[in-house]
Structures are given as structure tokens and as C-alpha cells.
Amino acid sequence: MKLKKIAVTTDFSAESRTAFAAAAALARRLSAELQVMHLAQVPPVVMAPWPEVGPYFLPEEVFTDVEKELRELVASDPAFQGANAQPVLVRGDSVKDLADHLAKESVELLIAAGHGFTGVKKLLLGSFAEKVLRWAPCPVVILRGDPVKEIAPKRILVPHDFSPPSRAALNAARQWAKEFGAKVRLFFVVEESVGLYEYAAAMQGSFREYLEKVRLQSLERFRRILREEWAGVESEAAAVIGSPLQEIRREATEMKAELVVIGTHSRSGLERLFLGSVAQKVIEHAACPVLAVRG
């Protein structure tokens, strides 16, 4: 796995700092540059309440002070020792500004703590989280559960739905597995509420028999993928019938997953990515880091 640029977000809170050690450890392992990013959400122009007065321009010192604080943080935090860590202040007031910077700088992975309620932490919660996952031009690692000193998974769970957009998550999982010598489990959930519509169109056998047929077909597709594309990686396949969110959480707990790799697009039908709306819920409730990959 080759990454030249990694970014980690901070809003100077203790919660955001919990991602520093893992981000720095990964950057050192891959000899990558680590951008320690802060999104300055104070707009450079504040509009006056009276149009005839015109805009008020905030003094440059507002950003100079924040930049100084960010430089001092990077220089003093022991987590960054030995890493090529660079302080980066992103000026803007939206997720799009953050995404534009990531694209401009060709950042290949964004890492952030998934806790907190203000500043950059908002990017990872509620509607802001959905925007980050939708706008980010690179994969995003959300660190959930107990703080970790490094991201070095030995067991990876990959919920997958066979849709073309979700293949990006499969490819990313394979790269991480090779880098860390991890065991991977590809996982498909046959969702009953979606399957009902597909069954109504076919009406062959009982509904339960139809769901079981889809489950077995999914396993066979997984096994073909593993034979053709996963040589040299310890991997296995599993498919169940049930609720995607509940089954993903159960499977992650059962296999003691240290990383969940999930796609962020959705589509309709039986092959709907449980990911889409479910992806956000998986991230919010995960007990381990989650790598979200936009297809």
C-alpha cells in the first residue's frame, strides 16, 4: 500500500487529538507526509446588516493566531515525533472547502476522531458526517471506540453488495490486508424488506426459500471474487439474512474486527448498498476504526 499524503483533522480539542497517534504511526510506516489540518470556520468576510455599508473585513491576525497555535500544537505533541507532520490551516466554512483542499493537495487518506460536537468534529456527526463522506475525494478513516495508537488491523470486515461503486471498497480492503497481513471477511446481508419486492416479481417458492437462494448465490459470487482477485490474502466469505446494520455490528463483534471497510454509495433493489444511509449508522456505532471508501 503506497500513500504519499495523509491528513488528520483537529479542532484543538482533546477528542480530536485521540486520532494523532494512529495517524502519525501510519504516516511513519508508509513514509508519507502527514497534514495536520484545521478548518478555520470563521469566514474572512462578514456581511454588514445594511447593504449600503458594505462588508466588514476581518483582520488577517484572526488567521495568523490560529496558524501559530496549529504550528505549536504539531511541534509540541509527542505523537508526531519522527513523522513528517505539517500544520495546514484550511480557510472556509463548509465541508466543500475541506474537500477542495484535499483534492488540490492530492491527499489520499483522511483520518479523524469520531467524537465531539463542535468545529471540525461536526464533520463526523449527523448531517455533516454524511457530507464529509459524500464530498471527500479520498477514503476516510473514522476512529471509533477506544483510542488506538496505531491502525494496524489483523482482522478486517468488508460489508459488500456487489454493485460497481462498492468495488472501490473491495480494492481498498485488499490493499490494507496485504499491507498488514490481515485476515479479511467479505460480508453480504440479504435484507428482508428489500427482498420482498424482488420476490413479488418472481413468486417462485416461498419467500424464505427465495431469500436463502439469494444468500447462497451471494456466497458463490464472493468465492469467485476471492479465487480470481484475492490470491495471497487470507480471506473468507459470509452471507446472512437480516437487518444490515444489526448484522454488520454482530459480525464485527463476532470476528473481533479491527477495521471495517465500507462503501458509501447506495442503489435500489436487492443489491442496494446497505451503505448509503446505513453506512453512517455503522460508523456512529462501530467499536473499531471504519474506513469509508466512496466508489
C-alpha atoms as a PDB file:
ATOM      1  CA  MET A   1       0.000   0.000   0.000  1.00  0.00           C
ATOM      2  CA  LYS A   2       1.525   3.290  -1.121  1.00  0.00           C
ATOM      3  CA  LEU A   3       0.258   6.578   0.241  1.00  0.00           C
ATOM      4  CA  LYS A   4       2.200   9.798  -0.204  1.00  0.00           C
ATOM      5  CA  LYS A   5      -0.114  12.176   1.653  1.00  0.00           C
ATOM      6  CA  ILE A   6      -2.304  11.531   4.689  1.00  0.00           C
ATOM      7  CA  ALA A   7      -4.344  14.128   6.587  1.00  0.00           C
ATOM      8  CA  VAL A   8      -5.670  14.194  10.148  1.00  0.00           C
ATOM      9  CA  THR A   9      -8.181  16.772  11.353  1.00  0.00           C
ATOM     10  CA  THR A  10      -8.087  18.734  14.595  1.00  0.00           C
ATOM     11  CA  ASP A  11     -10.103  21.469  16.275  1.00  0.00           C
ATOM     12  CA  PHE A  12      -7.589  21.660  19.163  1.00  0.00           C
ATOM     13  CA  SER A  13      -9.868  19.625  21.446  1.00  0.00           C
ATOM     14  CA  ALA A  14      -8.732  16.609  23.440  1.00  0.00           C
ATOM     15  CA  GLU A  15     -11.162  14.430  21.476  1.00  0.00           C
ATOM     16  CA  SER A  16      -9.675  15.308  18.110  1.00  0.00           C
ATOM     17  CA  ARG A  17      -6.166  14.638  19.428  1.00  0.00           C
ATOM     18  CA  THR A  18      -7.040  10.997  20.011  1.00  0.00           C
ATOM     19  CA  ALA A  19      -6.505  10.468  16.276  1.00  0.00           C
ATOM     20  CA  PHE A  20      -2.966  11.887  16.255  1.00  0.00           C
ATOM     21  CA  ALA A  21      -1.040   8.810  17.376  1.00  0.00           C
ATOM     22  CA  ALA A  22      -2.709   6.450  14.894  1.00  0.00           C
ATOM     23  CA  ALA A  23      -2.373   8.907  12.012  1.00  0.00           C
ATOM     24  CA  ALA A  24       1.291   9.580  12.764  1.00  0.00           C
ATOM     25  CA  ALA A  25       2.086   5.876  13.147  1.00  0.00           C
ATOM     26  CA  LEU A  26       0.554   5.123   9.748  1.00  0.00           C
ATOM     27  CA  ALA A  27       2.426   8.019   8.146  1.00  0.00           C
ATOM     28  CA  ARG A  28       5.724   6.778   9.588  1.00  0.00           C
ATOM     29  CA  ARG A  29       5.049   3.224   8.427  1.00  0.00           C
ATOM     30  CA  LEU A  30       4.281   4.347   4.877  1.00  0.00           C
ATOM     31  CA  SER A  31       6.864   7.176   4.796  1.00  0.00           C
ATOM     32  CA  ALA A  32       4.020   9.535   3.935  1.00  0.00           C
ATOM     33  CA  GLU A  33       3.574  13.235   4.595  1.00  0.00           C
ATOM     34  CA  LEU A  34       1.021  13.901   7.337  1.00  0.00           C
ATOM     35  CA  GLN A  35      -1.011  17.094   7.088  1.00  0.00           C
ATOM     36  CA  VAL A  36      -2.440  18.150  10.451  1.00  0.00           C
ATOM     37  CA  MET A  37      -5.476  20.091   9.257  1.00  0.00           C
ATOM     38  CA  HIS A  38      -7.661  22.650  10.983  1.00  0.00           C
ATOM     39  CA  LEU A  39     -10.705  24.091   9.235  1.00  0.00           C
ATOM     40  CA  ALA A  40     -10.934  27.785  10.183  1.00  0.00           C
ATOM     41  CA  GLN A  41     -14.689  28.188  10.058  1.00  0.00           C
ATOM     42  CA  VAL A  42     -14.673  31.957  10.618  1.00  0.00           C
ATOM     43  CA  PRO A  43     -15.445  33.500   7.184  1.00  0.00           C
ATOM     44  CA  PRO A  44     -12.904  36.093   6.007  1.00  0.00           C
ATOM     45  CA  VAL A  45     -15.743  38.458   5.071  1.00  0.00           C
ATOM     46  CA  VAL A  46     -18.629  39.275   7.391  1.00  0.00           C
ATOM     47  CA  MET A  47     -21.553  40.941   5.658  1.00  0.00           C
ATOM     48  CA  ALA A  48     -22.978  44.059   7.315  1.00  0.00           C
ATOM     49  CA  PRO A  49     -26.681  44.106   8.220  1.00  0.00           C
ATOM     50  CA  TRP A  50     -27.102  47.187   5.967  1.00  0.00           C
ATOM     51  CA  PRO A  51     -26.195  46.700   2.269  1.00  0.00           C
ATOM     52  CA  GLU A  52     -25.212  50.352   1.837  1.00  0.00           C
ATOM     53  CA  VAL A  53     -22.474  49.945   4.466  1.00  0.00           C
ATOM     54  CA  GLY A  54     -20.831  47.054   2.677  1.00  0.00           C
ATOM     55  CA  PRO A  55     -18.862  44.085   4.085  1.00  0.00           C
ATOM     56  CA  TYR A  56     -16.590  44.158   7.098  1.00  0.00           C
ATOM     57  CA  PHE A  57     -13.233  42.514   6.519  1.00  0.00           C
ATOM     58  CA  LEU A  58     -11.783  40.559   9.406  1.00  0.00           C
ATOM     59  CA  PRO A  59      -8.137  41.302  10.159  1.00  0.00           C
ATOM     60  CA  GLU A  60      -5.556  38.808   8.933  1.00  0.00           C
ATOM     61  CA  GLU A  61      -4.448  38.402  12.558  1.00  0.00           C
ATOM     62  CA  VAL A  62      -7.521  36.264  13.162  1.00  0.00           C
ATOM     63  CA  PHE A  63      -5.985  33.558  10.981  1.00  0.00           C
ATOM     64  CA  THR A  64      -2.375  34.300  11.932  1.00  0.00           C
ATOM     65  CA  ASP A  65      -3.099  33.477  15.568  1.00  0.00           C
ATOM     66  CA  VAL A  66      -4.788  30.206  14.639  1.00  0.00           C
ATOM     67  CA  GLU A  67      -1.899  29.243  12.358  1.00  0.00           C
ATOM     68  CA  LYS A  68       0.553  29.906  15.186  1.00  0.00           C
ATOM     69  CA  GLU A  69      -1.476  27.753  17.559  1.00  0.00           C
ATOM     70  CA  LEU A  70      -1.561  24.955  14.996  1.00  0.00           C
ATOM     71  CA  ARG A  71       2.210  25.100  14.416  1.00  0.00           C
ATOM     72  CA  GLU A  72       2.850  24.950  18.149  1.00  0.00           C
ATOM     73  CA  LEU A  73       0.499  22.006  18.533  1.00  0.00           C
ATOM     74  CA  VAL A  74       2.293  19.984  15.849  1.00  0.00           C
ATOM     75  CA  ALA A  75       5.715  20.881  17.225  1.00  0.00           C
ATOM     76  CA  SER A  76       4.869  20.016  20.830  1.00  0.00           C
ATOM     77  CA  ASP A  77       2.662  16.936  20.587  1.00  0.00           C
ATOM     78  CA  PRO A  78       4.810  13.810  21.128  1.00  0.00           C
ATOM     79  CA  ALA A  79       2.557  11.799  18.815  1.00  0.00           C
ATOM     80  CA  PHE A  80       4.149  13.497  15.805  1.00  0.00           C
ATOM     81  CA  GLN A  81       7.733  12.763  16.791  1.00  0.00           C
ATOM     82  CA  GLY A  82       9.554  11.131  13.877  1.00  0.00           C
ATOM     83  CA  ALA A  83       6.724  11.802  11.451  1.00  0.00           C
ATOM     84  CA  ASN A  84       6.756  14.246   8.554  1.00  0.00           C
ATOM     85  CA  ALA A  85       3.896  16.246  10.095  1.00  0.00           C
ATOM     86  CA  GLN A  86       2.936  19.570   8.514  1.00  0.00           C
ATOM     87  CA  PRO A  87       0.421  22.049  10.035  1.00  0.00           C
ATOM     88  CA  VAL A  88      -2.197  23.094   7.475  1.00  0.00           C
ATOM     89  CA  LEU A  89      -4.872  25.731   8.045  1.00  0.00           C
ATOM     90  CA  VAL A  90      -7.823  25.445   5.656  1.00  0.00           C
ATOM     91  CA  ARG A  91      -9.822  28.642   5.369  1.00  0.00           C
ATOM     92  CA  GLY A  92     -13.514  28.089   4.776  1.00  0.00           C
ATOM     93  CA  ASP A  93     -16.840  27.494   6.408  1.00  0.00           C
ATOM     94  CA  SER A  94     -18.085  24.325   4.730  1.00  0.00           C
ATOM     95  CA  VAL A  95     -17.235  20.710   4.083  1.00  0.00           C
ATOM     96  CA  LYS A  96     -16.753  21.598   0.424  1.00  0.00           C
ATOM     97  CA  ASP A  97     -13.822  23.854   1.349  1.00  0.00           C
ATOM     98  CA  LEU A  98     -12.195  20.972   3.174  1.00  0.00           C
ATOM     99  CA  ALA A  99     -12.819  18.634   0.244  1.00  0.00           C
ATOM    100  CA  ASP A 100     -11.388  21.161  -2.212  1.00  0.00           C
ATOM    101  CA  HIS A 101      -8.175  21.341  -0.197  1.00  0.00           C
ATOM    102  CA  LEU A 102      -7.877  17.562  -0.055  1.00  0.00           C
ATOM    103  CA  ALA A 103      -8.271  17.354  -3.829  1.00  0.00           C
ATOM    104  CA  LYS A 104      -5.871  20.215  -4.515  1.00  0.00           C
ATOM    105  CA  GLU A 105      -3.190  18.671  -2.302  1.00  0.00           C
ATOM    106  CA  SER A 106      -3.827  15.130  -3.627  1.00  0.00           C
ATOM    107  CA  VAL A 107      -4.394  13.822  -0.115  1.00  0.00           C
ATOM    108  CA  GLU A 108      -5.000  10.077  -0.355  1.00  0.00           C
ATOM    109  CA  LEU A 109      -6.428   9.347   3.101  1.00  0.00           C
ATOM    110  CA  LEU A 110      -8.236  11.446   5.715  1.00  0.00           C
ATOM    111  CA  ILE A 111      -8.185  10.336   9.364  1.00  0.00           C
ATOM    112  CA  ALA A 112     -10.334  11.809  12.123  1.00  0.00           C
ATOM    113  CA  ALA A 113     -11.678  11.023  15.562  1.00  0.00           C
ATOM    114  CA  GLY A 114     -15.402  10.349  15.572  1.00  0.00           C
ATOM    115  CA  HIS A 115     -16.258  12.163  18.789  1.00  0.00           C
ATOM    116  CA  GLY A 116     -17.306  15.653  19.743  1.00  0.00           C
ATOM    117  CA  PHE A 117     -19.863  18.279  18.847  1.00  0.00           C
ATOM    118  CA  THR A 118     -18.140  21.463  17.656  1.00  0.00           C
ATOM    119  CA  GLY A 119     -15.807  22.703  14.946  1.00  0.00           C
ATOM    120  CA  VAL A 120     -14.193  20.091  12.716  1.00  0.00           C
ATOM    121  CA  LYS A 121     -15.703  17.350  14.872  1.00  0.00           C
ATOM    122  CA  LYS A 122     -19.087  18.263  13.442  1.00  0.00           C
ATOM    123  CA  LEU A 123     -17.850  16.957  10.126  1.00  0.00           C
ATOM    124  CA  LEU A 124     -18.110  13.466  11.513  1.00  0.00           C
ATOM    125  CA  LEU A 125     -21.525  13.633  13.108  1.00  0.00           C
ATOM    126  CA  GLY A 126     -25.090  13.835  11.842  1.00  0.00           C
ATOM    127  CA  SER A 127     -25.642  15.526   8.501  1.00  0.00           C
ATOM    128  CA  PHE A 128     -22.060  16.842   8.500  1.00  0.00           C
ATOM    129  CA  ALA A 129     -20.776  13.285   8.553  1.00  0.00           C
ATOM    130  CA  GLU A 130     -22.821  12.425   5.509  1.00  0.00           C
ATOM    131  CA  LYS A 131     -21.421  15.476   3.705  1.00  0.00           C
ATOM    132  CA  VAL A 132     -17.825  14.538   4.503  1.00  0.00           C
ATOM    133  CA  LEU A 133     -18.312  11.021   3.212  1.00  0.00           C
ATOM    134  CA  ARG A 134     -20.064  12.345   0.124  1.00  0.00           C
ATOM    135  CA  TRP A 135     -17.645  15.179  -0.675  1.00  0.00           C
ATOM    136  CA  ALA A 136     -14.257  13.820   0.397  1.00  0.00           C
ATOM    137  CA  PRO A 137     -12.243  12.921  -2.717  1.00  0.00           C
ATOM    138  CA  CYS A 138     -10.300  10.281  -0.796  1.00  0.00           C
ATOM    139  CA  PRO A 139     -11.066   7.426   1.609  1.00  0.00           C
ATOM    140  CA  VAL A 140     -11.845   8.481   5.186  1.00  0.00           C
ATOM    141  CA  VAL A 141     -10.879   6.615   8.359  1.00  0.00           C
ATOM    142  CA  ILE A 142     -13.148   7.357  11.306  1.00  0.00           C
ATOM    143  CA  LEU A 143     -11.610   6.276  14.603  1.00  0.00           C
ATOM    144  CA  ARG A 144     -14.351   4.881  16.812  1.00  0.00           C
ATOM    145  CA  GLY A 145     -14.277   3.004  20.093  1.00  0.00           C
ATOM    146  CA  ASP A 146     -11.300   3.203  22.421  1.00  0.00           C
ATOM    147  CA  PRO A 147      -8.364   5.372  21.294  1.00  0.00           C
ATOM    148  CA  VAL A 148      -5.776   3.415  19.322  1.00  0.00           C
ATOM    149  CA  LYS A 149      -2.065   4.143  18.997  1.00  0.00           C
ATOM    150  CA  GLU A 150      -1.882   2.723  15.512  1.00  0.00           C
ATOM    151  CA  ILE A 151      -4.071   1.442  12.708  1.00  0.00           C
ATOM    152  CA  ALA A 152      -2.603  -1.990  12.071  1.00  0.00           C
ATOM    153  CA  PRO A 153      -5.563  -4.335  11.580  1.00  0.00           C
ATOM    154  CA  LYS A 154      -5.213  -8.098  11.638  1.00  0.00           C
ATOM    155  CA  ARG A 155      -8.928  -8.746  11.112  1.00  0.00           C
ATOM    156  CA  ILE A 156     -10.912  -6.745   8.547  1.00  0.00           C
ATOM    157  CA  LEU A 157     -14.652  -6.915   7.885  1.00  0.00           C
ATOM    158  CA  VAL A 158     -15.869  -5.778   4.456  1.00  0.00           C
ATOM    159  CA  PRO A 159     -19.640  -5.379   4.039  1.00  0.00           C
ATOM    160  CA  HIS A 160     -20.257  -5.577   0.296  1.00  0.00           C
ATOM    161  CA  ASP A 161     -23.241  -5.572  -2.066  1.00  0.00           C
ATOM    162  CA  PHE A 162     -21.698  -6.426  -5.482  1.00  0.00           C
ATOM    163  CA  SER A 163     -22.619  -3.062  -7.026  1.00  0.00           C
ATOM    164  CA  PRO A 164     -19.976  -1.434  -9.274  1.00  0.00           C
ATOM    165  CA  PRO A 165     -19.458   1.576  -6.946  1.00  0.00           C
ATOM    166  CA  SER A 166     -18.758  -0.711  -3.997  1.00  0.00           C
ATOM    167  CA  ARG A 167     -15.789  -2.332  -5.736  1.00  0.00           C
ATOM    168  CA  ALA A 168     -13.632   0.594  -4.633  1.00  0.00           C
ATOM    169  CA  ALA A 169     -14.090  -0.552  -1.034  1.00  0.00           C
ATOM    170  CA  LEU A 170     -13.120  -4.096  -2.003  1.00  0.00           C
ATOM    171  CA  ASN A 171      -9.944  -2.871  -3.659  1.00  0.00           C
ATOM    172  CA  ALA A 172      -9.044  -0.736  -0.642  1.00  0.00           C
ATOM    173  CA  ALA A 173      -9.634  -3.627   1.745  1.00  0.00           C
ATOM    174  CA  ARG A 174      -7.359  -5.863  -0.310  1.00  0.00           C
ATOM    175  CA  GLN A 175      -4.564  -3.269  -0.177  1.00  0.00           C
ATOM    176  CA  TRP A 176      -4.880  -2.867   3.593  1.00  0.00           C
ATOM    177  CA  ALA A 177      -4.944  -6.641   4.069  1.00  0.00           C
ATOM    178  CA  LYS A 178      -1.739  -7.070   2.091  1.00  0.00           C
ATOM    179  CA  GLU A 179      -0.013  -4.229   3.950  1.00  0.00           C
ATOM    180  CA  PHE A 180      -0.830  -5.571   7.412  1.00  0.00           C
ATOM    181  CA  GLY A 181      -1.088  -9.301   6.734  1.00  0.00           C
ATOM    182  CA  ALA A 182      -4.718  -9.204   7.832  1.00  0.00           C
ATOM    183  CA  LYS A 183      -7.457 -11.781   7.532  1.00  0.00           C
ATOM    184  CA  VAL A 184     -10.495 -10.461   5.629  1.00  0.00           C
ATOM    185  CA  ARG A 185     -14.137 -11.475   5.754  1.00  0.00           C
ATOM    186  CA  LEU A 186     -16.372 -10.334   2.875  1.00  0.00           C
ATOM    187  CA  PHE A 187     -19.914  -9.958   4.154  1.00  0.00           C
ATOM    188  CA  PHE A 188     -23.304  -9.660   2.470  1.00  0.00           C
ATOM    189  CA  VAL A 189     -26.682  -9.126   4.116  1.00  0.00           C
ATOM    190  CA  VAL A 190     -29.822 -10.220   2.310  1.00  0.00           C
ATOM    191  CA  GLU A 191     -32.215  -7.565   3.543  1.00  0.00           C
ATOM    192  CA  GLU A 192     -35.723  -8.930   4.012  1.00  0.00           C
ATOM    193  CA  SER A 193     -37.577  -5.675   3.366  1.00  0.00           C
ATOM    194  CA  VAL A 194     -35.790  -5.200   0.039  1.00  0.00           C
ATOM    195  CA  GLY A 195     -36.014  -8.865  -0.889  1.00  0.00           C
ATOM    196  CA  LEU A 196     -39.790  -8.793  -0.574  1.00  0.00           C
ATOM    197  CA  TYR A 197     -40.128  -6.600  -3.646  1.00  0.00           C
ATOM    198  CA  GLU A 198     -37.777  -8.779  -5.667  1.00  0.00           C
ATOM    199  CA  TYR A 199     -39.676 -11.885  -4.557  1.00  0.00           C
ATOM    200  CA  ALA A 200     -43.005 -10.376  -5.578  1.00  0.00           C
ATOM    201  CA  ALA A 201     -41.702 -10.063  -9.136  1.00  0.00           C
ATOM    202  CA  ALA A 202     -40.561 -13.694  -9.275  1.00  0.00           C
ATOM    203  CA  MET A 203     -43.004 -15.520  -6.968  1.00  0.00           C
ATOM    204  CA  GLN A 204     -41.042 -18.778  -7.103  1.00  0.00           C
ATOM    205  CA  GLY A 205     -41.232 -20.930  -3.996  1.00  0.00           C
ATOM    206  CA  SER A 206     -41.717 -19.437  -0.538  1.00  0.00           C
ATOM    207  CA  PHE A 207     -40.311 -16.059   0.453  1.00  0.00           C
ATOM    208  CA  ARG A 208     -37.884 -17.719   2.860  1.00  0.00           C
ATOM    209  CA  GLU A 209     -36.684 -20.077   0.120  1.00  0.00           C
ATOM    210  CA  TYR A 210     -36.111 -17.077  -2.144  1.00  0.00           C
ATOM    211  CA  LEU A 211     -34.018 -15.280   0.474  1.00  0.00           C
ATOM    212  CA  GLU A 212     -31.939 -18.407   1.076  1.00  0.00           C
ATOM    213  CA  LYS A 213     -31.361 -18.747  -2.666  1.00  0.00           C
ATOM    214  CA  VAL A 214     -30.061 -15.182  -2.813  1.00  0.00           C
ATOM    215  CA  ARG A 215     -27.827 -15.832   0.192  1.00  0.00           C
ATOM    216  CA  LEU A 216     -26.254 -18.895  -1.421  1.00  0.00           C
ATOM    217  CA  GLN A 217     -25.789 -17.055  -4.723  1.00  0.00           C
ATOM    218  CA  SER A 218     -24.024 -14.285  -2.833  1.00  0.00           C
ATOM    219  CA  LEU A 219     -21.628 -16.747  -1.242  1.00  0.00           C
ATOM    220  CA  GLU A 220     -20.786 -18.218  -4.630  1.00  0.00           C
ATOM    221  CA  ARG A 221     -20.122 -14.755  -6.062  1.00  0.00           C
ATOM    222  CA  PHE A 222     -17.856 -13.978  -3.124  1.00  0.00           C
ATOM    223  CA  ARG A 223     -15.924 -17.207  -3.601  1.00  0.00           C
ATOM    224  CA  ARG A 224     -15.406 -16.413  -7.278  1.00  0.00           C
ATOM    225  CA  ILE A 225     -14.095 -12.952  -6.377  1.00  0.00           C
ATOM    226  CA  LEU A 226     -11.720 -14.436  -3.810  1.00  0.00           C
ATOM    227  CA  ARG A 227     -10.412 -17.031  -6.271  1.00  0.00           C
ATOM    228  CA  GLU A 228      -9.857 -14.525  -9.063  1.00  0.00           C
ATOM    229  CA  GLU A 229      -8.678 -11.419  -7.199  1.00  0.00           C
ATOM    230  CA  TRP A 230      -7.522 -12.231  -3.670  1.00  0.00           C
ATOM    231  CA  ALA A 231      -4.613 -14.599  -4.192  1.00  0.00           C
ATOM    232  CA  GLY A 232      -2.126 -14.376  -1.363  1.00  0.00           C
ATOM    233  CA  VAL A 233      -4.612 -12.833   1.103  1.00  0.00           C
ATOM    234  CA  GLU A 234      -6.182 -14.872   3.898  1.00  0.00           C
ATOM    235  CA  SER A 235      -9.870 -14.317   3.227  1.00  0.00           C
ATOM    236  CA  GLU A 236     -13.308 -15.837   3.628  1.00  0.00           C
ATOM    237  CA  ALA A 237     -16.923 -15.071   2.756  1.00  0.00           C
ATOM    238  CA  ALA A 238     -20.128 -14.898   4.765  1.00  0.00           C
ATOM    239  CA  ALA A 239     -23.736 -14.038   3.917  1.00  0.00           C
ATOM    240  CA  VAL A 240     -26.759 -13.810   6.191  1.00  0.00           C
ATOM    241  CA  ILE A 241     -30.416 -12.798   6.090  1.00  0.00           C
ATOM    242  CA  GLY A 242     -31.480  -9.905   8.293  1.00  0.00           C
ATOM    243  CA  SER A 243     -31.111  -6.225   9.070  1.00  0.00           C
ATOM    244  CA  PRO A 244     -27.876  -4.783   7.560  1.00  0.00           C
ATOM    245  CA  LEU A 245     -26.955  -2.551  10.499  1.00  0.00           C
ATOM    246  CA  GLN A 246     -27.618  -5.196  13.120  1.00  0.00           C
ATOM    247  CA  GLU A 247     -25.856  -7.939  11.181  1.00  0.00           C
ATOM    248  CA  ILE A 248     -22.792  -5.829  10.398  1.00  0.00           C
ATOM    249  CA  ARG A 249     -22.419  -4.899  14.066  1.00  0.00           C
ATOM    250  CA  ARG A 250     -22.906  -8.515  15.136  1.00  0.00           C
ATOM    251  CA  GLU A 251     -20.403  -9.813  12.592  1.00  0.00           C
ATOM    252  CA  ALA A 252     -17.801  -7.208  13.551  1.00  0.00           C
ATOM    253  CA  THR A 253     -18.140  -8.179  17.211  1.00  0.00           C
ATOM    254  CA  GLU A 254     -18.052 -11.911  16.490  1.00  0.00           C
ATOM    255  CA  MET A 255     -14.852 -11.774  14.434  1.00  0.00           C
ATOM    256  CA  LYS A 256     -13.295  -9.092  16.684  1.00  0.00           C
ATOM    257  CA  ALA A 257     -12.759  -6.869  13.663  1.00  0.00           C
ATOM    258  CA  GLU A 258     -10.057  -4.229  13.995  1.00  0.00           C
ATOM    259  CA  LEU A 259     -11.163  -2.383  10.857  1.00  0.00           C
ATOM    260  CA  VAL A 260     -14.430  -2.190   8.937  1.00  0.00           C
ATOM    261  CA  VAL A 261     -14.112  -1.177   5.277  1.00  0.00           C
ATOM    262  CA  ILE A 262     -17.370   0.114   3.886  1.00  0.00           C
ATOM    263  CA  GLY A 263     -18.578   1.807   0.709  1.00  0.00           C
ATOM    264  CA  THR A 264     -20.636   4.987   0.810  1.00  0.00           C
ATOM    265  CA  HIS A 265     -22.866   4.827  -2.260  1.00  0.00           C
ATOM    266  CA  SER A 266     -26.380   3.436  -2.376  1.00  0.00           C
ATOM    267  CA  ARG A 267     -28.624   1.977  -5.003  1.00  0.00           C
ATOM    268  CA  SER A 268     -32.004   0.267  -5.099  1.00  0.00           C
ATOM    269  CA  GLY A 269     -33.011  -3.363  -5.263  1.00  0.00           C
ATOM    270  CA  LEU A 270     -31.631  -6.431  -3.519  1.00  0.00           C
ATOM    271  CA  GLU A 271     -28.083  -5.307  -4.236  1.00  0.00           C
ATOM    272  CA  ARG A 272     -28.635  -1.956  -2.521  1.00  0.00           C
ATOM    273  CA  LEU A 273     -25.554  -0.896  -0.611  1.00  0.00           C
ATOM    274  CA  PHE A 274     -26.548  -1.208   2.978  1.00  0.00           C
ATOM    275  CA  LEU A 275     -24.111   1.501   2.912  1.00  0.00           C
ATOM    276  CA  GLY A 276     -25.652   4.792   1.993  1.00  0.00           C
ATOM    277  CA  SER A 277     -27.862   5.578   4.926  1.00  0.00           C
ATOM    278  CA  VAL A 278     -26.678   2.510   6.841  1.00  0.00           C
ATOM    279  CA  ALA A 279     -23.012   3.442   6.379  1.00  0.00           C
ATOM    280  CA  GLN A 280     -23.419   6.475   8.605  1.00  0.00           C
ATOM    281  CA  LYS A 281     -25.091   4.373  11.298  1.00  0.00           C
ATOM    282  CA  VAL A 282     -22.334   1.763  11.079  1.00  0.00           C
ATOM    283  CA  ILE A 283     -19.751   4.497  11.583  1.00  0.00           C
ATOM    284  CA  GLU A 284     -21.635   6.015  14.511  1.00  0.00           C
ATOM    285  CA  HIS A 285     -21.955   2.696  16.342  1.00  0.00           C
ATOM    286  CA  ALA A 286     -18.688   0.980  15.387  1.00  0.00           C
ATOM    287  CA  ALA A 287     -16.424  -0.303  18.147  1.00  0.00           C
ATOM    288  CA  CYS A 288     -13.357  -0.137  15.888  1.00  0.00           C
ATOM    289  CA  PRO A 289     -11.981   2.169  13.164  1.00  0.00           C
ATOM    290  CA  VAL A 290     -14.041   2.397   9.975  1.00  0.00           C
ATOM    291  CA  LEU A 291     -12.567   3.050   6.535  1.00  0.00           C
ATOM    292  CA  ALA A 292     -15.221   4.662   4.324  1.00  0.00           C
ATOM    293  CA  VAL A 293     -14.489   4.485   0.603  1.00  0.00           C
ATOM    294  CA  ARG A 294     -16.508   6.417  -1.943  1.00  0.00           C
ATOM    295  CA  GLY A 295     -16.967   4.493  -5.180  1.00  0.00           C
END
